[in-house]
């Protein structure tokens, strides 16, 4: 640990060194080690064992079959009938966010391994704590890649990751179409 150039780098000493001075710890060396260290850190999964186990046991399946299934569940949702425990405004926002995610991101997300809970999970006791549709809260500047989704709302940046929805299932996360079984008009 004591020989690691990144840990031993002294920015004050580096600033005080004259330009082009030969030292055992050049900026290029430190930058190279830092880059390699960062690449290593990014290659190591940050997900816990439960998430990794869930992800590993998911069947690959046919993406088009999954998309048709999601569509068949979203299509009957009534924009004007909120389930018990939801205000009509909150329900309409969830409904709109779910369709927006489906239409713009679902095809890629399903190929990348995002689950229905990751995208369409709703954690009723805590708005904004569920899957992506629950967290977006009307934002339309979503950027997604294989493992992460990021967006901002009113200048605040938010993010979630693939597998986060699956971790919340035991805590009561429901899919948006599971909530719609009981409406209160």
C-alpha atoms as a PDB file:
ATOM      1  CA  UNK A   1       0.000   0.000   0.000  1.00  0.00           C
ATOM      2  CA  UNK A   2       2.901   2.344   0.717  1.00  0.00           C
ATOM      3  CA  UNK A   3       4.253   1.975  -2.843  1.00  0.00           C
ATOM      4  CA  UNK A   4       1.059   3.098  -4.561  1.00  0.00           C
ATOM      5  CA  UNK A   5       1.828   6.337  -6.474  1.00  0.00           C
ATOM      6  CA  UNK A   6      -1.754   7.539  -6.119  1.00  0.00           C
ATOM      7  CA  UNK A   7      -1.685   7.262  -2.335  1.00  0.00           C
ATOM      8  CA  UNK A   8       1.777   8.828  -2.097  1.00  0.00           C
ATOM      9  CA  UNK A   9       1.056  11.685  -4.504  1.00  0.00           C
ATOM     10  CA  UNK A  10       1.677  15.073  -2.904  1.00  0.00           C
ATOM     11  CA  UNK A  11      -0.004  17.819  -4.959  1.00  0.00           C
ATOM     12  CA  UNK A  12       1.888  20.555  -3.090  1.00  0.00           C
ATOM     13  CA  UNK A  13       5.222  18.954  -3.902  1.00  0.00           C
ATOM     14  CA  UNK A  14       4.173  18.507  -7.533  1.00  0.00           C
ATOM     15  CA  UNK A  15       3.180  22.183  -7.833  1.00  0.00           C
ATOM     16  CA  UNK A  16       6.494  23.252  -6.292  1.00  0.00           C
ATOM     17  CA  UNK A  17       8.561  21.126  -8.728  1.00  0.00           C
ATOM     18  CA  UNK A  18       9.922  23.035 -11.710  1.00  0.00           C
ATOM     19  CA  UNK A  19       8.436  22.176 -15.123  1.00  0.00           C
ATOM     20  CA  UNK A  20      10.084  19.104 -16.614  1.00  0.00           C
ATOM     21  CA  UNK A  21      11.858  18.121 -13.399  1.00  0.00           C
ATOM     22  CA  UNK A  22      12.719  14.453 -13.242  1.00  0.00           C
ATOM     23  CA  UNK A  23      11.109  12.804 -10.288  1.00  0.00           C
ATOM     24  CA  UNK A  24      10.262   9.276  -9.376  1.00  0.00           C
ATOM     25  CA  UNK A  25       6.615  10.229  -9.285  1.00  0.00           C
ATOM     26  CA  UNK A  26       5.651  12.137 -12.412  1.00  0.00           C
ATOM     27  CA  UNK A  27       2.156  13.373 -13.128  1.00  0.00           C
ATOM     28  CA  UNK A  28       1.952  10.940 -16.048  1.00  0.00           C
ATOM     29  CA  UNK A  29       2.709   8.031 -13.716  1.00  0.00           C
ATOM     30  CA  UNK A  30       0.093   9.150 -11.224  1.00  0.00           C
ATOM     31  CA  UNK A  31      -2.482   9.715 -13.976  1.00  0.00           C
ATOM     32  CA  UNK A  32      -1.817   6.278 -15.475  1.00  0.00           C
ATOM     33  CA  UNK A  33      -2.122   4.531 -12.124  1.00  0.00           C
ATOM     34  CA  UNK A  34      -5.278   6.500 -11.312  1.00  0.00           C
ATOM     35  CA  UNK A  35      -6.828   5.580 -14.677  1.00  0.00           C
ATOM     36  CA  UNK A  36      -5.983   1.890 -14.277  1.00  0.00           C
ATOM     37  CA  UNK A  37      -7.312   1.939 -10.711  1.00  0.00           C
ATOM     38  CA  UNK A  38     -10.545   3.626 -11.867  1.00  0.00           C
ATOM     39  CA  UNK A  39     -11.000   1.080 -14.671  1.00  0.00           C
ATOM     40  CA  UNK A  40     -10.508  -1.744 -12.172  1.00  0.00           C
ATOM     41  CA  UNK A  41     -12.986  -0.187  -9.738  1.00  0.00           C
ATOM     42  CA  UNK A  42     -15.572   0.214 -12.510  1.00  0.00           C
ATOM     43  CA  UNK A  43     -15.118  -3.399 -13.606  1.00  0.00           C
ATOM     44  CA  UNK A  44     -16.014  -4.713 -10.146  1.00  0.00           C
ATOM     45  CA  UNK A  45     -19.742  -5.067  -9.571  1.00  0.00           C
ATOM     46  CA  UNK A  46     -21.171  -2.792  -6.891  1.00  0.00           C
ATOM     47  CA  UNK A  47     -24.264  -4.968  -6.545  1.00  0.00           C
ATOM     48  CA  UNK A  48     -24.805  -7.081  -3.470  1.00  0.00           C
ATOM     49  CA  UNK A  49     -24.968 -10.877  -3.449  1.00  0.00           C
ATOM     50  CA  UNK A  50     -28.781 -10.951  -3.508  1.00  0.00           C
ATOM     51  CA  UNK A  51     -28.918  -8.786  -6.622  1.00  0.00           C
ATOM     52  CA  UNK A  52     -26.215 -10.783  -8.357  1.00  0.00           C
ATOM     53  CA  UNK A  53     -28.033 -14.025  -7.549  1.00  0.00           C
ATOM     54  CA  UNK A  54     -31.339 -12.636  -8.852  1.00  0.00           C
ATOM     55  CA  UNK A  55     -29.721 -11.337 -12.030  1.00  0.00           C
ATOM     56  CA  UNK A  56     -27.872 -14.597 -12.600  1.00  0.00           C
ATOM     57  CA  UNK A  57     -31.011 -16.716 -12.274  1.00  0.00           C
ATOM     58  CA  UNK A  58     -33.167 -14.640 -14.632  1.00  0.00           C
ATOM     59  CA  UNK A  59     -33.906 -16.492 -17.841  1.00  0.00           C
ATOM     60  CA  UNK A  60     -32.615 -14.688 -20.911  1.00  0.00           C
ATOM     61  CA  UNK A  61     -35.909 -15.188 -22.730  1.00  0.00           C
ATOM     62  CA  UNK A  62     -37.067 -13.551 -25.923  1.00  0.00           C
ATOM     63  CA  UNK A  63     -37.126  -9.733 -25.632  1.00  0.00           C
ATOM     64  CA  UNK A  64     -40.113  -9.402 -27.960  1.00  0.00           C
ATOM     65  CA  UNK A  65     -42.143 -11.809 -25.811  1.00  0.00           C
ATOM     66  CA  UNK A  66     -41.279  -9.785 -22.697  1.00  0.00           C
ATOM     67  CA  UNK A  67     -42.218  -6.531 -24.437  1.00  0.00           C
ATOM     68  CA  UNK A  68     -45.568  -7.969 -25.561  1.00  0.00           C
ATOM     69  CA  UNK A  69     -46.224  -9.149 -22.010  1.00  0.00           C
ATOM     70  CA  UNK A  70     -45.441  -5.709 -20.567  1.00  0.00           C
ATOM     71  CA  UNK A  71     -47.655  -4.079 -23.191  1.00  0.00           C
ATOM     72  CA  UNK A  72     -50.520  -6.445 -22.415  1.00  0.00           C
ATOM     73  CA  UNK A  73     -50.310  -5.417 -18.753  1.00  0.00           C
ATOM     74  CA  UNK A  74     -49.980  -1.679 -19.399  1.00  0.00           C
ATOM     75  CA  UNK A  75     -52.712  -1.420 -22.051  1.00  0.00           C
ATOM     76  CA  UNK A  76     -55.717  -2.003 -19.760  1.00  0.00           C
ATOM     77  CA  UNK A  77     -54.581   0.539 -17.138  1.00  0.00           C
ATOM     78  CA  UNK A  78     -57.164   3.304 -16.815  1.00  0.00           C
ATOM     79  CA  UNK A  79     -55.673   6.795 -16.792  1.00  0.00           C
ATOM     80  CA  UNK A  80     -58.781   8.158 -15.035  1.00  0.00           C
ATOM     81  CA  UNK A  81     -59.195   5.524 -12.297  1.00  0.00           C
ATOM     82  CA  UNK A  82     -56.647   5.646  -9.487  1.00  0.00           C
ATOM     83  CA  UNK A  83     -56.070   2.530  -7.373  1.00  0.00           C
ATOM     84  CA  UNK A  84     -56.800   2.668  -3.657  1.00  0.00           C
ATOM     85  CA  UNK A  85     -54.207   4.733  -1.809  1.00  0.00           C
ATOM     86  CA  UNK A  86     -53.269   6.903  -4.812  1.00  0.00           C
ATOM     87  CA  UNK A  87     -54.436  10.379  -5.700  1.00  0.00           C
ATOM     88  CA  UNK A  88     -55.633  10.790  -9.264  1.00  0.00           C
ATOM     89  CA  UNK A  89     -52.714  13.147  -9.998  1.00  0.00           C
ATOM     90  CA  UNK A  90     -50.132  10.673  -8.703  1.00  0.00           C
ATOM     91  CA  UNK A  91     -51.760   7.819 -10.631  1.00  0.00           C
ATOM     92  CA  UNK A  92     -51.814   9.819 -13.862  1.00  0.00           C
ATOM     93  CA  UNK A  93     -48.144  10.665 -13.409  1.00  0.00           C
ATOM     94  CA  UNK A  94     -47.254   6.982 -12.835  1.00  0.00           C
ATOM     95  CA  UNK A  95     -49.392   5.953 -15.800  1.00  0.00           C
ATOM     96  CA  UNK A  96     -47.765   8.531 -18.086  1.00  0.00           C
ATOM     97  CA  UNK A  97     -44.244   7.739 -16.885  1.00  0.00           C
ATOM     98  CA  UNK A  98     -44.824   4.002 -17.387  1.00  0.00           C
ATOM     99  CA  UNK A  99     -45.995   4.437 -20.967  1.00  0.00           C
ATOM    100  CA  UNK A 100     -43.199   6.905 -21.713  1.00  0.00           C
ATOM    101  CA  UNK A 101     -40.594   4.439 -20.421  1.00  0.00           C
ATOM    102  CA  UNK A 102     -42.212   1.602 -22.362  1.00  0.00           C
ATOM    103  CA  UNK A 103     -42.352   3.537 -25.631  1.00  0.00           C
ATOM    104  CA  UNK A 104     -38.872   5.065 -25.433  1.00  0.00           C
ATOM    105  CA  UNK A 105     -36.660   2.713 -23.423  1.00  0.00           C
ATOM    106  CA  UNK A 106     -38.229  -0.716 -22.857  1.00  0.00           C
ATOM    107  CA  UNK A 107     -36.886  -2.411 -25.998  1.00  0.00           C
ATOM    108  CA  UNK A 108     -33.296  -1.595 -25.120  1.00  0.00           C
ATOM    109  CA  UNK A 109     -33.810  -2.090 -21.377  1.00  0.00           C
ATOM    110  CA  UNK A 110     -35.174  -5.624 -21.771  1.00  0.00           C
ATOM    111  CA  UNK A 111     -32.179  -6.585 -23.947  1.00  0.00           C
ATOM    112  CA  UNK A 112     -29.869  -5.123 -21.278  1.00  0.00           C
ATOM    113  CA  UNK A 113     -31.491  -7.192 -18.514  1.00  0.00           C
ATOM    114  CA  UNK A 114     -33.703  -4.602 -16.800  1.00  0.00           C
ATOM    115  CA  UNK A 115     -36.650  -6.326 -15.139  1.00  0.00           C
ATOM    116  CA  UNK A 116     -40.299  -5.311 -14.961  1.00  0.00           C
ATOM    117  CA  UNK A 117     -39.738  -4.350 -11.311  1.00  0.00           C
ATOM    118  CA  UNK A 118     -36.769  -2.160 -12.279  1.00  0.00           C
ATOM    119  CA  UNK A 119     -38.884  -0.243 -14.787  1.00  0.00           C
ATOM    120  CA  UNK A 120     -42.502  -0.487 -13.613  1.00  0.00           C
ATOM    121  CA  UNK A 121     -42.243  -1.162  -9.880  1.00  0.00           C
ATOM    122  CA  UNK A 122     -44.181   1.126  -7.534  1.00  0.00           C
ATOM    123  CA  UNK A 123     -43.458   1.330  -3.824  1.00  0.00           C
ATOM    124  CA  UNK A 124     -46.798   2.665  -2.571  1.00  0.00           C
ATOM    125  CA  UNK A 125     -45.728   3.601   0.991  1.00  0.00           C
ATOM    126  CA  UNK A 126     -42.896   5.826  -0.322  1.00  0.00           C
ATOM    127  CA  UNK A 127     -43.500   7.625  -3.638  1.00  0.00           C
ATOM    128  CA  UNK A 128     -40.272   7.868  -5.584  1.00  0.00           C
ATOM    129  CA  UNK A 129     -38.632   4.835  -3.967  1.00  0.00           C
ATOM    130  CA  UNK A 130     -39.781   2.153  -6.407  1.00  0.00           C
ATOM    131  CA  UNK A 131     -38.768   1.329  -9.942  1.00  0.00           C
ATOM    132  CA  UNK A 132     -38.017   3.832 -12.659  1.00  0.00           C
ATOM    133  CA  UNK A 133     -41.645   4.834 -13.346  1.00  0.00           C
ATOM    134  CA  UNK A 134     -42.078   5.590  -9.633  1.00  0.00           C
ATOM    135  CA  UNK A 135     -38.867   7.622  -9.474  1.00  0.00           C
ATOM    136  CA  UNK A 136     -39.148   9.692 -12.659  1.00  0.00           C
ATOM    137  CA  UNK A 137     -42.034  11.799 -11.358  1.00  0.00           C
ATOM    138  CA  UNK A 138     -42.664  13.393 -14.737  1.00  0.00           C
ATOM    139  CA  UNK A 139     -39.037  14.006 -15.775  1.00  0.00           C
ATOM    140  CA  UNK A 140     -38.392  13.523 -19.492  1.00  0.00           C
ATOM    141  CA  UNK A 141     -34.597  13.828 -19.699  1.00  0.00           C
ATOM    142  CA  UNK A 142     -33.773  10.199 -18.937  1.00  0.00           C
ATOM    143  CA  UNK A 143     -30.484   8.679 -20.053  1.00  0.00           C
ATOM    144  CA  UNK A 144     -30.145   4.908 -19.780  1.00  0.00           C
ATOM    145  CA  UNK A 145     -27.336   2.485 -20.398  1.00  0.00           C
ATOM    146  CA  UNK A 146     -26.857  -1.184 -19.625  1.00  0.00           C
ATOM    147  CA  UNK A 147     -26.654  -0.756 -15.851  1.00  0.00           C
ATOM    148  CA  UNK A 148     -27.799   2.760 -14.946  1.00  0.00           C
ATOM    149  CA  UNK A 149     -30.559   5.277 -15.516  1.00  0.00           C
ATOM    150  CA  UNK A 150     -30.000   8.965 -14.747  1.00  0.00           C
ATOM    151  CA  UNK A 151     -32.219  12.043 -15.009  1.00  0.00           C
ATOM    152  CA  UNK A 152     -32.751  15.388 -13.346  1.00  0.00           C
ATOM    153  CA  UNK A 153     -35.792  17.132 -11.993  1.00  0.00           C
ATOM    154  CA  UNK A 154     -35.794  20.779 -10.992  1.00  0.00           C
ATOM    155  CA  UNK A 155     -32.005  20.828 -11.112  1.00  0.00           C
ATOM    156  CA  UNK A 156     -31.563  17.777  -8.875  1.00  0.00           C
ATOM    157  CA  UNK A 157     -29.851  14.748 -10.423  1.00  0.00           C
ATOM    158  CA  UNK A 158     -31.287  11.308  -9.714  1.00  0.00           C
ATOM    159  CA  UNK A 159     -30.242   7.798 -10.676  1.00  0.00           C
ATOM    160  CA  UNK A 160     -31.106   4.160 -10.255  1.00  0.00           C
ATOM    161  CA  UNK A 161     -29.521   0.957 -11.457  1.00  0.00           C
ATOM    162  CA  UNK A 162     -30.517  -2.323 -13.015  1.00  0.00           C
ATOM    163  CA  UNK A 163     -31.533  -4.786 -10.303  1.00  0.00           C
ATOM    164  CA  UNK A 164     -32.648  -2.132  -7.803  1.00  0.00           C
ATOM    165  CA  UNK A 165     -36.325  -2.981  -8.313  1.00  0.00           C
ATOM    166  CA  UNK A 166     -35.769  -6.674  -7.741  1.00  0.00           C
ATOM    167  CA  UNK A 167     -34.162  -5.898  -4.375  1.00  0.00           C
ATOM    168  CA  UNK A 168     -37.352  -4.143  -3.211  1.00  0.00           C
ATOM    169  CA  UNK A 169     -39.842  -6.917  -4.023  1.00  0.00           C
ATOM    170  CA  UNK A 170     -39.637  -8.367  -0.517  1.00  0.00           C
ATOM    171  CA  UNK A 171     -40.305  -4.875   0.910  1.00  0.00           C
ATOM    172  CA  UNK A 172     -43.628  -4.556  -0.904  1.00  0.00           C
ATOM    173  CA  UNK A 173     -42.719  -3.268  -4.366  1.00  0.00           C
ATOM    174  CA  UNK A 174     -45.600  -3.967  -6.762  1.00  0.00           C
ATOM    175  CA  UNK A 175     -45.775  -3.673 -10.508  1.00  0.00           C
ATOM    176  CA  UNK A 176     -47.984  -0.823 -11.660  1.00  0.00           C
ATOM    177  CA  UNK A 177     -50.435  -3.265 -13.235  1.00  0.00           C
ATOM    178  CA  UNK A 178     -50.734  -5.178  -9.946  1.00  0.00           C
ATOM    179  CA  UNK A 179     -51.944  -1.988  -8.246  1.00  0.00           C
ATOM    180  CA  UNK A 180     -54.721  -1.372 -10.737  1.00  0.00           C
ATOM    181  CA  UNK A 181     -56.853  -4.298  -9.564  1.00  0.00           C
ATOM    182  CA  UNK A 182     -58.802  -2.114  -7.135  1.00  0.00           C
ATOM    183  CA  UNK A 183     -59.860   1.312  -8.322  1.00  0.00           C
ATOM    184  CA  UNK A 184     -61.603   4.033  -6.376  1.00  0.00           C
ATOM    185  CA  UNK A 185     -62.622   6.185  -9.324  1.00  0.00           C
END
